[in-house]
Amino acid sequence: MNGAFRRIGTAASGHQDNRRTDPDLQPPPPWAALHRGEHEAGLLRLIDWLAGALADLLALAVPVDCVCCGAEDSTLCPSCAGRIRQLTRQPFRAESGAPALMDVGGAIMLPVVAAGVYRDELAQGLLSFKRHGQHQLGRSLGRALAGAARAAVPGGNGFLLIPVPTSTAAYVNRGFSPVHLLLKEAVRQLPGIGVADVLAKTAAPGPLLGTHGSGGRKGAGGQKGLGRGARSRRVRGSMRLRRGARALVAGRPCIIVDDVLTTGATVGEAARALHLAGANVRGAVVLAATRPPDTTEPDAMAPGPSGSRHDLEKNKPGKDE
């Protein structure tokens, strides 16, 4: 592994030891009032405070419930917001759970850092954000994504973050791109790292699948319910560089950004399009991975305080395209 991702784990190098965590992925030490904001600039702290005050005022006129637990008067209650912070405090290398990013010999083709495991409040919050785009959810999830980006590229100067494009059908249905909104919030906390929105969907992505994975045609839709092979066929050739964008990424170190990592087919296709444009793709960052890393490997990050794999997987919501 070369570049900044060399510092994140040593599974690809063959080095073996008894550590269960990677020191380069340890979260920064906590400080007082972490839940109130992470901005050093006074103006940004003031904006956050005003946004919170406005949300509280709006809750009086239009009652809302927490998207995770149903508590009144807040889109995301303090308890659930704290739980999301807990679930994303230790970013981890997640490509071992994405078969499309590993070759037949087990070598890593694209390293990926995830902020947390796709479960519990993190999954509920992300699904609600993708369906409705609530501002309060965007702030909490954007901070988690920023933490994963900092873990992936310590320092980060000179890197470009490349968001995965959303499909036209999904954009028309939602009216926004969840990945772009999360990245917009995240980069406020990532000085020195630029964003280049250079990827676009092609007009005719991959072979169309039938209802049961073969034959016939299927209307545009998400990848929910598709297996590894079906996802790979679905996204193959589905991305291209925007016209005139080659000069922005050629020779530049780039990190792909997506919301959820499942099989890895989507970020793999984004990497292919960027490689063809001459970009130096160093890896990817996602908000959540749908399965924890293989904890039998010495360099795998511990998935979190919950413990067992069964606890991580139970009641896991499905991915929403």
C-alpha atoms as a PDB file:
ATOM      1  CA  MET A   1       0.000   0.000   0.000  1.00  0.00           C
ATOM      2  CA  ASN A   2       1.422   3.350  -0.917  1.00  0.00           C
ATOM      3  CA  GLY A   3       0.582   6.905   0.018  1.00  0.00           C
ATOM      4  CA  ALA A   4      -1.314   7.995   3.068  1.00  0.00           C
ATOM      5  CA  PHE A   5      -3.224   4.716   3.393  1.00  0.00           C
ATOM      6  CA  ARG A   6       0.064   2.914   4.115  1.00  0.00           C
ATOM      7  CA  ARG A   7      -0.252   4.226   7.651  1.00  0.00           C
ATOM      8  CA  ILE A   8      -3.672   2.636   8.173  1.00  0.00           C
ATOM      9  CA  GLY A   9      -3.187  -1.017   9.026  1.00  0.00           C
ATOM     10  CA  THR A  10      -0.577  -3.451   7.790  1.00  0.00           C
ATOM     11  CA  ALA A  11      -2.759  -6.330   6.631  1.00  0.00           C
ATOM     12  CA  ALA A  12      -1.562  -5.998   3.027  1.00  0.00           C
ATOM     13  CA  SER A  13       2.125  -5.941   3.971  1.00  0.00           C
ATOM     14  CA  GLY A  14       2.179  -9.356   5.648  1.00  0.00           C
ATOM     15  CA  HIS A  15       3.315  -7.874   8.988  1.00  0.00           C
ATOM     16  CA  GLN A  16       1.817  -9.737  11.895  1.00  0.00           C
ATOM     17  CA  ASP A  17       1.610  -8.715  15.531  1.00  0.00           C
ATOM     18  CA  ASN A  18      -0.761  -8.996  18.463  1.00  0.00           C
ATOM     19  CA  ARG A  19      -2.267  -5.527  18.351  1.00  0.00           C
ATOM     20  CA  ARG A  20      -6.011  -5.324  17.843  1.00  0.00           C
ATOM     21  CA  THR A  21      -6.095  -1.635  16.982  1.00  0.00           C
ATOM     22  CA  ASP A  22      -4.207   0.601  14.614  1.00  0.00           C
ATOM     23  CA  PRO A  23      -2.737   3.642  16.410  1.00  0.00           C
ATOM     24  CA  ASP A  24      -3.130   5.775  13.299  1.00  0.00           C
ATOM     25  CA  LEU A  25      -6.894   5.267  13.489  1.00  0.00           C
ATOM     26  CA  GLN A  26      -7.305   6.131  17.159  1.00  0.00           C
ATOM     27  CA  PRO A  27      -9.813   8.952  17.685  1.00  0.00           C
ATOM     28  CA  PRO A  28      -8.493  12.309  18.844  1.00  0.00           C
ATOM     29  CA  PRO A  29      -8.584  12.829  22.614  1.00  0.00           C
ATOM     30  CA  PRO A  30     -11.961  14.161  23.788  1.00  0.00           C
ATOM     31  CA  TRP A  31     -12.334  17.665  25.100  1.00  0.00           C
ATOM     32  CA  ALA A  32     -15.019  19.510  27.004  1.00  0.00           C
ATOM     33  CA  ALA A  33     -18.399  20.134  25.365  1.00  0.00           C
ATOM     34  CA  LEU A  34     -17.608  17.937  22.351  1.00  0.00           C
ATOM     35  CA  HIS A  35     -21.318  17.592  21.680  1.00  0.00           C
ATOM     36  CA  ARG A  36     -21.696  21.349  21.139  1.00  0.00           C
ATOM     37  CA  GLY A  37     -19.399  21.582  18.156  1.00  0.00           C
ATOM     38  CA  GLU A  38     -15.905  20.964  16.862  1.00  0.00           C
ATOM     39  CA  HIS A  39     -15.192  24.296  15.163  1.00  0.00           C
ATOM     40  CA  GLU A  40     -12.248  26.431  16.179  1.00  0.00           C
ATOM     41  CA  ALA A  41     -13.581  29.525  14.415  1.00  0.00           C
ATOM     42  CA  GLY A  42     -15.968  31.589  16.528  1.00  0.00           C
ATOM     43  CA  LEU A  43     -18.169  32.409  13.531  1.00  0.00           C
ATOM     44  CA  LEU A  44     -18.755  28.713  12.779  1.00  0.00           C
ATOM     45  CA  ARG A  45     -19.603  28.040  16.419  1.00  0.00           C
ATOM     46  CA  LEU A  46     -22.069  30.922  16.333  1.00  0.00           C
ATOM     47  CA  ILE A  47     -23.672  29.566  13.162  1.00  0.00           C
ATOM     48  CA  ASP A  48     -24.037  26.145  14.770  1.00  0.00           C
ATOM     49  CA  TRP A  49     -25.587  27.707  17.878  1.00  0.00           C
ATOM     50  CA  LEU A  50     -28.038  29.772  15.817  1.00  0.00           C
ATOM     51  CA  ALA A  51     -28.986  26.715  13.751  1.00  0.00           C
ATOM     52  CA  GLY A  52     -29.693  24.765  16.935  1.00  0.00           C
ATOM     53  CA  ALA A  53     -31.735  27.607  18.398  1.00  0.00           C
ATOM     54  CA  LEU A  54     -33.736  27.895  15.175  1.00  0.00           C
ATOM     55  CA  ALA A  55     -34.400  24.144  15.194  1.00  0.00           C
ATOM     56  CA  ASP A  56     -35.645  24.346  18.783  1.00  0.00           C
ATOM     57  CA  LEU A  57     -37.924  27.245  17.866  1.00  0.00           C
ATOM     58  CA  LEU A  58     -39.237  25.407  14.828  1.00  0.00           C
ATOM     59  CA  ALA A  59     -39.977  22.349  16.972  1.00  0.00           C
ATOM     60  CA  LEU A  60     -42.437  24.465  18.973  1.00  0.00           C
ATOM     61  CA  ALA A  61     -44.399  25.341  15.830  1.00  0.00           C
ATOM     62  CA  VAL A  62     -44.002  22.011  14.000  1.00  0.00           C
ATOM     63  CA  PRO A  63     -43.640  19.098  16.444  1.00  0.00           C
ATOM     64  CA  VAL A  64     -41.003  16.539  15.441  1.00  0.00           C
ATOM     65  CA  ASP A  65     -39.797  13.228  16.837  1.00  0.00           C
ATOM     66  CA  CYS A  66     -36.326  11.732  17.004  1.00  0.00           C
ATOM     67  CA  VAL A  67     -35.784   9.545  13.935  1.00  0.00           C
ATOM     68  CA  CYS A  68     -34.057   6.905  16.066  1.00  0.00           C
ATOM     69  CA  CYS A  69     -36.013   6.594  19.328  1.00  0.00           C
ATOM     70  CA  GLY A  70     -39.137   8.705  18.781  1.00  0.00           C
ATOM     71  CA  ALA A  71     -38.408  11.243  21.539  1.00  0.00           C
ATOM     72  CA  GLU A  72     -40.312  14.484  21.062  1.00  0.00           C
ATOM     73  CA  ASP A  73     -39.123  17.948  20.040  1.00  0.00           C
ATOM     74  CA  SER A  74     -35.951  16.979  18.155  1.00  0.00           C
ATOM     75  CA  THR A  75     -35.120  15.330  14.832  1.00  0.00           C
ATOM     76  CA  LEU A  76     -32.176  13.722  16.612  1.00  0.00           C
ATOM     77  CA  CYS A  77     -32.336  13.691  20.406  1.00  0.00           C
ATOM     78  CA  PRO A  78     -29.157  14.281  22.471  1.00  0.00           C
ATOM     79  CA  SER A  79     -29.069  10.635  23.562  1.00  0.00           C
ATOM     80  CA  CYS A  80     -29.185   9.279  20.008  1.00  0.00           C
ATOM     81  CA  ALA A  81     -26.743  11.937  18.786  1.00  0.00           C
ATOM     82  CA  GLY A  82     -24.360  10.751  21.499  1.00  0.00           C
ATOM     83  CA  ARG A  83     -24.869   7.160  20.412  1.00  0.00           C
ATOM     84  CA  ILE A  84     -23.947   8.062  16.819  1.00  0.00           C
ATOM     85  CA  ARG A  85     -20.777   9.729  18.104  1.00  0.00           C
ATOM     86  CA  GLN A  86     -19.980   6.572  20.068  1.00  0.00           C
ATOM     87  CA  LEU A  87     -20.551   4.351  17.027  1.00  0.00           C
ATOM     88  CA  THR A  88     -18.199   6.477  14.902  1.00  0.00           C
ATOM     89  CA  ARG A  89     -15.403   7.266  17.372  1.00  0.00           C
ATOM     90  CA  GLN A  90     -13.098   4.583  15.988  1.00  0.00           C
ATOM     91  CA  PRO A  91     -12.904   4.576  12.169  1.00  0.00           C
ATOM     92  CA  PHE A  92     -11.663   1.269  10.787  1.00  0.00           C
ATOM     93  CA  ARG A  93     -10.403  -0.343   7.610  1.00  0.00           C
ATOM     94  CA  ALA A  94     -13.443  -1.927   5.980  1.00  0.00           C
ATOM     95  CA  GLU A  95     -12.343  -3.256   2.574  1.00  0.00           C
ATOM     96  CA  SER A  96     -11.940  -6.807   3.935  1.00  0.00           C
ATOM     97  CA  GLY A  97     -15.736  -6.988   4.130  1.00  0.00           C
ATOM     98  CA  ALA A  98     -16.183  -5.757   0.527  1.00  0.00           C
ATOM     99  CA  PRO A  99     -15.420  -8.638  -1.871  1.00  0.00           C
ATOM    100  CA  ALA A 100     -15.331  -6.402  -4.954  1.00  0.00           C
ATOM    101  CA  LEU A 101     -12.281  -4.618  -3.515  1.00  0.00           C
ATOM    102  CA  MET A 102     -10.191  -7.774  -2.982  1.00  0.00           C
ATOM    103  CA  ASP A 103      -8.631  -9.918  -5.696  1.00  0.00           C
ATOM    104  CA  VAL A 104      -8.790 -13.715  -5.746  1.00  0.00           C
ATOM    105  CA  GLY A 105      -5.545 -13.906  -3.777  1.00  0.00           C
ATOM    106  CA  GLY A 106      -6.883 -11.695  -0.999  1.00  0.00           C
ATOM    107  CA  ALA A 107      -4.772  -8.659  -1.914  1.00  0.00           C
ATOM    108  CA  ILE A 108      -6.383  -5.252  -1.364  1.00  0.00           C
ATOM    109  CA  MET A 109      -7.204  -3.403  -4.572  1.00  0.00           C
ATOM    110  CA  LEU A 110      -8.658  -0.320  -2.903  1.00  0.00           C
ATOM    111  CA  PRO A 111      -8.353   0.530   0.819  1.00  0.00           C
ATOM    112  CA  VAL A 112     -11.462   1.938   2.490  1.00  0.00           C
ATOM    113  CA  VAL A 113     -11.908   3.642   5.859  1.00  0.00           C
ATOM    114  CA  ALA A 114     -15.403   3.595   7.407  1.00  0.00           C
ATOM    115  CA  ALA A 115     -16.541   5.871  10.221  1.00  0.00           C
ATOM    116  CA  GLY A 116     -18.682   3.135  11.755  1.00  0.00           C
ATOM    117  CA  VAL A 117     -20.648  -0.060  11.238  1.00  0.00           C
ATOM    118  CA  TYR A 118     -23.988   0.292   9.476  1.00  0.00           C
ATOM    119  CA  ARG A 119     -26.282  -0.545  12.392  1.00  0.00           C
ATOM    120  CA  ASP A 120     -28.446   0.868  15.163  1.00  0.00           C
ATOM    121  CA  GLU A 121     -28.688   4.665  15.407  1.00  0.00           C
ATOM    122  CA  LEU A 122     -26.087   5.230  12.686  1.00  0.00           C
ATOM    123  CA  ALA A 123     -28.097   3.210  10.169  1.00  0.00           C
ATOM    124  CA  GLN A 124     -31.415   4.746  11.247  1.00  0.00           C
ATOM    125  CA  GLY A 125     -30.009   8.252  11.092  1.00  0.00           C
ATOM    126  CA  LEU A 126     -28.445   7.740   7.676  1.00  0.00           C
ATOM    127  CA  LEU A 127     -31.605   6.217   6.212  1.00  0.00           C
ATOM    128  CA  SER A 128     -33.716   9.089   7.546  1.00  0.00           C
ATOM    129  CA  PHE A 129     -31.221  11.629   6.217  1.00  0.00           C
ATOM    130  CA  LYS A 130     -31.259  10.036   2.757  1.00  0.00           C
ATOM    131  CA  ARG A 131     -35.046  10.068   2.686  1.00  0.00           C
ATOM    132  CA  HIS A 132     -35.590  13.572   4.058  1.00  0.00           C
ATOM    133  CA  GLY A 133     -32.227  15.384   4.308  1.00  0.00           C
ATOM    134  CA  GLN A 134     -32.823  16.889   7.767  1.00  0.00           C
ATOM    135  CA  HIS A 135     -30.212  19.515   8.643  1.00  0.00           C
ATOM    136  CA  GLN A 136     -29.667  18.299  12.199  1.00  0.00           C
ATOM    137  CA  LEU A 137     -28.906  14.778  10.986  1.00  0.00           C
ATOM    138  CA  GLY A 138     -26.540  16.190   8.362  1.00  0.00           C
ATOM    139  CA  ARG A 139     -24.428  17.930  11.012  1.00  0.00           C
ATOM    140  CA  SER A 140     -24.001  14.783  13.126  1.00  0.00           C
ATOM    141  CA  LEU A 141     -23.339  12.488  10.178  1.00  0.00           C
ATOM    142  CA  GLY A 142     -21.053  15.003   8.481  1.00  0.00           C
ATOM    143  CA  ARG A 143     -18.874  15.198  11.599  1.00  0.00           C
ATOM    144  CA  ALA A 144     -18.581  11.405  11.585  1.00  0.00           C
ATOM    145  CA  LEU A 145     -17.580  11.413   7.908  1.00  0.00           C
ATOM    146  CA  ALA A 146     -14.967  14.087   8.628  1.00  0.00           C
ATOM    147  CA  GLY A 147     -13.504  11.877  11.357  1.00  0.00           C
ATOM    148  CA  ALA A 148     -13.113   8.999   8.912  1.00  0.00           C
ATOM    149  CA  ALA A 149     -11.435  11.295   6.371  1.00  0.00           C
ATOM    150  CA  ARG A 150      -8.976  12.548   9.000  1.00  0.00           C
ATOM    151  CA  ALA A 151      -8.130   8.970   9.925  1.00  0.00           C
ATOM    152  CA  ALA A 152      -7.584   8.023   6.280  1.00  0.00           C
ATOM    153  CA  VAL A 153      -5.344  10.964   5.348  1.00  0.00           C
ATOM    154  CA  PRO A 154      -3.632  12.448   8.426  1.00  0.00           C
ATOM    155  CA  GLY A 155      -2.644  15.989   7.484  1.00  0.00           C
ATOM    156  CA  GLY A 156      -4.547  15.710   4.240  1.00  0.00           C
ATOM    157  CA  ASN A 157      -2.977  18.675   2.456  1.00  0.00           C
ATOM    158  CA  GLY A 158      -3.157  18.338  -1.306  1.00  0.00           C
ATOM    159  CA  PHE A 159      -5.736  15.545  -1.339  1.00  0.00           C
ATOM    160  CA  LEU A 160      -8.976  15.752  -3.281  1.00  0.00           C
ATOM    161  CA  LEU A 161     -12.213  14.217  -2.016  1.00  0.00           C
ATOM    162  CA  ILE A 162     -14.290  12.854  -4.904  1.00  0.00           C
ATOM    163  CA  PRO A 163     -17.991  12.230  -4.121  1.00  0.00           C
ATOM    164  CA  VAL A 164     -19.715   9.277  -5.746  1.00  0.00           C
ATOM    165  CA  PRO A 165     -22.514  10.625  -7.970  1.00  0.00           C
ATOM    166  CA  THR A 166     -26.126   9.763  -7.314  1.00  0.00           C
ATOM    167  CA  SER A 167     -28.349   8.375 -10.040  1.00  0.00           C
ATOM    168  CA  THR A 168     -30.681  10.710 -11.890  1.00  0.00           C
ATOM    169  CA  ALA A 169     -33.718   8.766 -10.703  1.00  0.00           C
ATOM    170  CA  ALA A 170     -32.615   8.981  -7.066  1.00  0.00           C
ATOM    171  CA  TYR A 171     -31.848  12.697  -7.379  1.00  0.00           C
ATOM    172  CA  VAL A 172     -35.236  13.428  -8.931  1.00  0.00           C
ATOM    173  CA  ASN A 173     -36.957  11.388  -6.224  1.00  0.00           C
ATOM    174  CA  ARG A 174     -35.125  13.055  -3.316  1.00  0.00           C
ATOM    175  CA  GLY A 175     -34.304  16.462  -4.711  1.00  0.00           C
ATOM    176  CA  PHE A 176     -30.732  16.274  -3.382  1.00  0.00           C
ATOM    177  CA  SER A 177     -27.643  14.049  -3.280  1.00  0.00           C
ATOM    178  CA  PRO A 178     -27.013  12.673   0.247  1.00  0.00           C
ATOM    179  CA  VAL A 179     -23.282  12.108  -0.348  1.00  0.00           C
ATOM    180  CA  HIS A 180     -22.759  15.688  -1.530  1.00  0.00           C
ATOM    181  CA  LEU A 181     -24.643  17.147   1.435  1.00  0.00           C
ATOM    182  CA  LEU A 182     -22.683  15.032   3.920  1.00  0.00           C
ATOM    183  CA  LEU A 183     -19.405  15.962   2.256  1.00  0.00           C
ATOM    184  CA  LYS A 184     -20.330  19.648   2.299  1.00  0.00           C
ATOM    185  CA  GLU A 185     -20.741  19.413   6.078  1.00  0.00           C
ATOM    186  CA  ALA A 186     -17.589  17.318   6.521  1.00  0.00           C
ATOM    187  CA  VAL A 187     -15.196  19.609   4.640  1.00  0.00           C
ATOM    188  CA  ARG A 188     -15.954  22.438   7.061  1.00  0.00           C
ATOM    189  CA  GLN A 189     -13.788  20.486   9.482  1.00  0.00           C
ATOM    190  CA  LEU A 190     -11.121  19.373   6.995  1.00  0.00           C
ATOM    191  CA  PRO A 191      -8.803  22.301   6.267  1.00  0.00           C
ATOM    192  CA  GLY A 192      -6.328  21.654   3.473  1.00  0.00           C
ATOM    193  CA  ILE A 193      -8.462  19.014   1.739  1.00  0.00           C
ATOM    194  CA  GLY A 194     -10.261  20.015  -1.453  1.00  0.00           C
ATOM    195  CA  VAL A 195     -13.395  18.645  -3.087  1.00  0.00           C
ATOM    196  CA  ALA A 196     -13.726  17.916  -6.790  1.00  0.00           C
ATOM    197  CA  ASP A 197     -17.194  16.937  -8.011  1.00  0.00           C
ATOM    198  CA  VAL A 198     -15.912  15.402 -11.246  1.00  0.00           C
ATOM    199  CA  LEU A 199     -17.833  12.115 -11.550  1.00  0.00           C
ATOM    200  CA  ALA A 200     -21.158  11.715 -13.306  1.00  0.00           C
ATOM    201  CA  LYS A 201     -23.457   8.848 -14.114  1.00  0.00           C
ATOM    202  CA  THR A 202     -23.469   7.546 -17.675  1.00  0.00           C
ATOM    203  CA  ALA A 203     -26.646   7.429 -19.712  1.00  0.00           C
ATOM    204  CA  ALA A 204     -26.674   3.621 -19.867  1.00  0.00           C
ATOM    205  CA  PRO A 205     -25.081   2.050 -16.774  1.00  0.00           C
ATOM    206  CA  GLY A 206     -24.160  -1.622 -17.052  1.00  0.00           C
ATOM    207  CA  PRO A 207     -26.370  -4.491 -18.231  1.00  0.00           C
ATOM    208  CA  LEU A 208     -29.967  -4.192 -17.079  1.00  0.00           C
ATOM    209  CA  LEU A 209     -31.115  -7.019 -14.839  1.00  0.00           C
ATOM    210  CA  GLY A 210     -34.381  -8.857 -14.773  1.00  0.00           C
ATOM    211  CA  THR A 211     -36.536  -9.173 -11.694  1.00  0.00           C
ATOM    212  CA  HIS A 212     -34.656 -12.271 -10.566  1.00  0.00           C
ATOM    213  CA  GLY A 213     -31.201 -11.213 -11.715  1.00  0.00           C
ATOM    214  CA  SER A 214     -31.275 -12.501 -15.320  1.00  0.00           C
ATOM    215  CA  GLY A 215     -33.289 -11.947 -18.425  1.00  0.00           C
ATOM    216  CA  GLY A 216     -35.756  -9.197 -19.193  1.00  0.00           C
ATOM    217  CA  ARG A 217     -35.390  -5.579 -18.256  1.00  0.00           C
ATOM    218  CA  LYS A 218     -35.752  -3.835 -14.967  1.00  0.00           C
ATOM    219  CA  GLY A 219     -36.554  -0.205 -14.405  1.00  0.00           C
ATOM    220  CA  ALA A 220     -34.099   2.158 -12.838  1.00  0.00           C
ATOM    221  CA  GLY A 221     -33.746   1.618  -9.159  1.00  0.00           C
ATOM    222  CA  GLY A 222     -31.344   1.092  -6.317  1.00  0.00           C
ATOM    223  CA  GLN A 223     -29.081  -1.826  -5.549  1.00  0.00           C
ATOM    224  CA  LYS A 224     -30.952  -2.957  -2.456  1.00  0.00           C
ATOM    225  CA  GLY A 225     -31.363  -6.720  -2.498  1.00  0.00           C
ATOM    226  CA  LEU A 226     -28.756  -7.345  -5.208  1.00  0.00           C
ATOM    227  CA  GLY A 227     -25.878  -9.732  -4.584  1.00  0.00           C
ATOM    228  CA  ARG A 228     -22.189  -9.191  -5.300  1.00  0.00           C
ATOM    229  CA  GLY A 229     -22.281 -10.278  -8.940  1.00  0.00           C
ATOM    230  CA  ALA A 230     -25.496  -8.398  -9.686  1.00  0.00           C
ATOM    231  CA  ARG A 231     -24.145  -5.213  -8.099  1.00  0.00           C
ATOM    232  CA  SER A 232     -20.916  -5.456 -10.097  1.00  0.00           C
ATOM    233  CA  ARG A 233     -22.808  -5.905 -13.371  1.00  0.00           C
ATOM    234  CA  ARG A 234     -25.183  -3.107 -12.438  1.00  0.00           C
ATOM    235  CA  VAL A 235     -22.480  -0.493 -11.888  1.00  0.00           C
ATOM    236  CA  ARG A 236     -19.980  -1.606 -14.542  1.00  0.00           C
ATOM    237  CA  GLY A 237     -19.418   1.337 -16.878  1.00  0.00           C
ATOM    238  CA  SER A 238     -21.911   3.460 -14.944  1.00  0.00           C
ATOM    239  CA  MET A 239     -19.567   6.385 -14.181  1.00  0.00           C
ATOM    240  CA  ARG A 240     -17.527   8.771 -16.252  1.00  0.00           C
ATOM    241  CA  LEU A 241     -15.553  11.936 -15.738  1.00  0.00           C
ATOM    242  CA  ARG A 242     -17.403  15.181 -16.387  1.00  0.00           C
ATOM    243  CA  ARG A 243     -16.375  17.060 -19.500  1.00  0.00           C
ATOM    244  CA  GLY A 244     -13.323  19.222 -18.887  1.00  0.00           C
ATOM    245  CA  ALA A 245     -12.630  17.673 -15.470  1.00  0.00           C
ATOM    246  CA  ARG A 246      -9.580  15.612 -16.427  1.00  0.00           C
ATOM    247  CA  ALA A 247      -7.180  18.481 -15.715  1.00  0.00           C
ATOM    248  CA  LEU A 248      -8.554  18.780 -12.172  1.00  0.00           C
ATOM    249  CA  VAL A 249      -7.639  15.228 -11.145  1.00  0.00           C
ATOM    250  CA  ALA A 250      -4.793  14.106 -13.413  1.00  0.00           C
ATOM    251  CA  GLY A 251      -1.835  13.226 -11.201  1.00  0.00           C
ATOM    252  CA  ARG A 252      -3.611  14.370  -8.017  1.00  0.00           C
ATOM    253  CA  PRO A 253      -4.021  12.126  -4.949  1.00  0.00           C
ATOM    254  CA  CYS A 254      -7.743  11.403  -4.677  1.00  0.00           C
ATOM    255  CA  ILE A 255     -10.010   9.822  -2.065  1.00  0.00           C
ATOM    256  CA  ILE A 256     -13.442   8.580  -3.137  1.00  0.00           C
ATOM    257  CA  VAL A 257     -16.330   9.397  -0.783  1.00  0.00           C
ATOM    258  CA  ASP A 258     -19.552   7.390  -0.467  1.00  0.00           C
ATOM    259  CA  ASP A 259     -22.177   6.912   2.228  1.00  0.00           C
ATOM    260  CA  VAL A 260     -22.401   3.129   2.678  1.00  0.00           C
ATOM    261  CA  LEU A 261     -19.978   0.353   1.724  1.00  0.00           C
ATOM    262  CA  THR A 262     -21.593  -2.978   0.853  1.00  0.00           C
ATOM    263  CA  THR A 263     -19.821  -5.145  -1.746  1.00  0.00           C
ATOM    264  CA  GLY A 264     -17.528  -2.304  -2.843  1.00  0.00           C
ATOM    265  CA  ALA A 265     -18.773  -2.350  -6.446  1.00  0.00           C
ATOM    266  CA  THR A 266     -19.742   1.331  -6.447  1.00  0.00           C
ATOM    267  CA  VAL A 267     -16.463   2.745  -5.126  1.00  0.00           C
ATOM    268  CA  GLY A 268     -14.603   0.283  -7.363  1.00  0.00           C
ATOM    269  CA  GLU A 269     -16.371   1.689 -10.409  1.00  0.00           C
ATOM    270  CA  ALA A 270     -15.600   5.246  -9.275  1.00  0.00           C
ATOM    271  CA  ALA A 271     -11.927   4.284  -8.929  1.00  0.00           C
ATOM    272  CA  ARG A 272     -11.935   2.839 -12.459  1.00  0.00           C
ATOM    273  CA  ALA A 273     -13.299   6.072 -13.949  1.00  0.00           C
ATOM    274  CA  LEU A 274     -10.749   8.169 -12.044  1.00  0.00           C
ATOM    275  CA  HIS A 275      -7.830   5.902 -12.996  1.00  0.00           C
ATOM    276  CA  LEU A 276      -8.747   6.283 -16.657  1.00  0.00           C
ATOM    277  CA  ALA A 277      -8.504  10.053 -16.189  1.00  0.00           C
ATOM    278  CA  GLY A 278      -4.988   9.779 -14.748  1.00  0.00           C
ATOM    279  CA  ALA A 279      -5.948  10.394 -11.114  1.00  0.00           C
ATOM    280  CA  ASN A 280      -3.873   8.876  -8.325  1.00  0.00           C
ATOM    281  CA  VAL A 281      -6.629   7.104  -6.392  1.00  0.00           C
ATOM    282  CA  ARG A 282      -5.367   6.384  -2.868  1.00  0.00           C
ATOM    283  CA  GLY A 283      -8.533   4.829  -1.451  1.00  0.00           C
ATOM    284  CA  ALA A 284     -12.045   5.604  -0.281  1.00  0.00           C
ATOM    285  CA  VAL A 285     -13.877   6.911   2.782  1.00  0.00           C
ATOM    286  CA  VAL A 286     -17.439   5.967   3.731  1.00  0.00           C
ATOM    287  CA  LEU A 287     -19.743   6.905   6.558  1.00  0.00           C
ATOM    288  CA  ALA A 288     -20.708   3.312   7.303  1.00  0.00           C
ATOM    289  CA  ALA A 289     -19.812  -0.236   6.295  1.00  0.00           C
ATOM    290  CA  THR A 290     -22.488  -2.907   6.299  1.00  0.00           C
ATOM    291  CA  ARG A 291     -20.294  -5.481   8.040  1.00  0.00           C
ATOM    292  CA  PRO A 292     -17.505  -5.176  10.606  1.00  0.00           C
ATOM    293  CA  PRO A 293     -13.886  -5.962   9.726  1.00  0.00           C
ATOM    294  CA  ASP A 294     -12.591  -9.498  10.187  1.00  0.00           C
ATOM    295  CA  THR A 295     -11.665  -9.402  13.861  1.00  0.00           C
ATOM    296  CA  THR A 296      -9.589 -12.577  13.513  1.00  0.00           C
ATOM    297  CA  GLU A 297      -6.909 -10.531  11.751  1.00  0.00           C
ATOM    298  CA  PRO A 298      -4.373  -8.940  14.129  1.00  0.00           C
ATOM    299  CA  ASP A 299      -4.573  -5.529  12.479  1.00  0.00           C
ATOM    300  CA  ALA A 300      -8.349  -5.316  12.248  1.00  0.00           C
ATOM    301  CA  MET A 301     -10.004  -2.584  14.260  1.00  0.00           C
ATOM    302  CA  ALA A 302     -12.360  -3.699  16.979  1.00  0.00           C
ATOM    303  CA  PRO A 303     -15.899  -2.955  15.745  1.00  0.00           C
ATOM    304  CA  GLY A 304     -16.987  -1.137  18.879  1.00  0.00           C
ATOM    305  CA  PRO A 305     -18.201  -1.610  22.415  1.00  0.00           C
ATOM    306  CA  SER A 306     -21.066  -3.956  21.590  1.00  0.00           C
ATOM    307  CA  GLY A 307     -18.784  -6.971  21.238  1.00  0.00           C
ATOM    308  CA  SER A 308     -20.050  -9.945  19.268  1.00  0.00           C
ATOM    309  CA  ARG A 309     -20.605 -10.224  15.546  1.00  0.00           C
ATOM    310  CA  HIS A 310     -24.183 -11.302  16.238  1.00  0.00           C
ATOM    311  CA  ASP A 311     -24.834  -8.026  18.031  1.00  0.00           C
ATOM    312  CA  LEU A 312     -23.422  -6.084  15.086  1.00  0.00           C
ATOM    313  CA  GLU A 313     -25.581  -7.796  12.498  1.00  0.00           C
ATOM    314  CA  LYS A 314     -28.962  -8.184  14.175  1.00  0.00           C
ATOM    315  CA  ASN A 315     -31.760  -5.769  13.260  1.00  0.00           C
ATOM    316  CA  LYS A 316     -29.573  -4.202  10.562  1.00  0.00           C
ATOM    317  CA  PRO A 317     -31.689  -2.083   8.177  1.00  0.00           C
ATOM    318  CA  GLY A 318     -31.241  -2.668   4.472  1.00  0.00           C
ATOM    319  CA  LYS A 319     -29.247  -0.190   2.405  1.00  0.00           C
ATOM    320  CA  ASP A 320     -31.388   2.446   0.711  1.00  0.00           C
ATOM    321  CA  GLU A 321     -30.068   3.594  -2.697  1.00  0.00           C
END
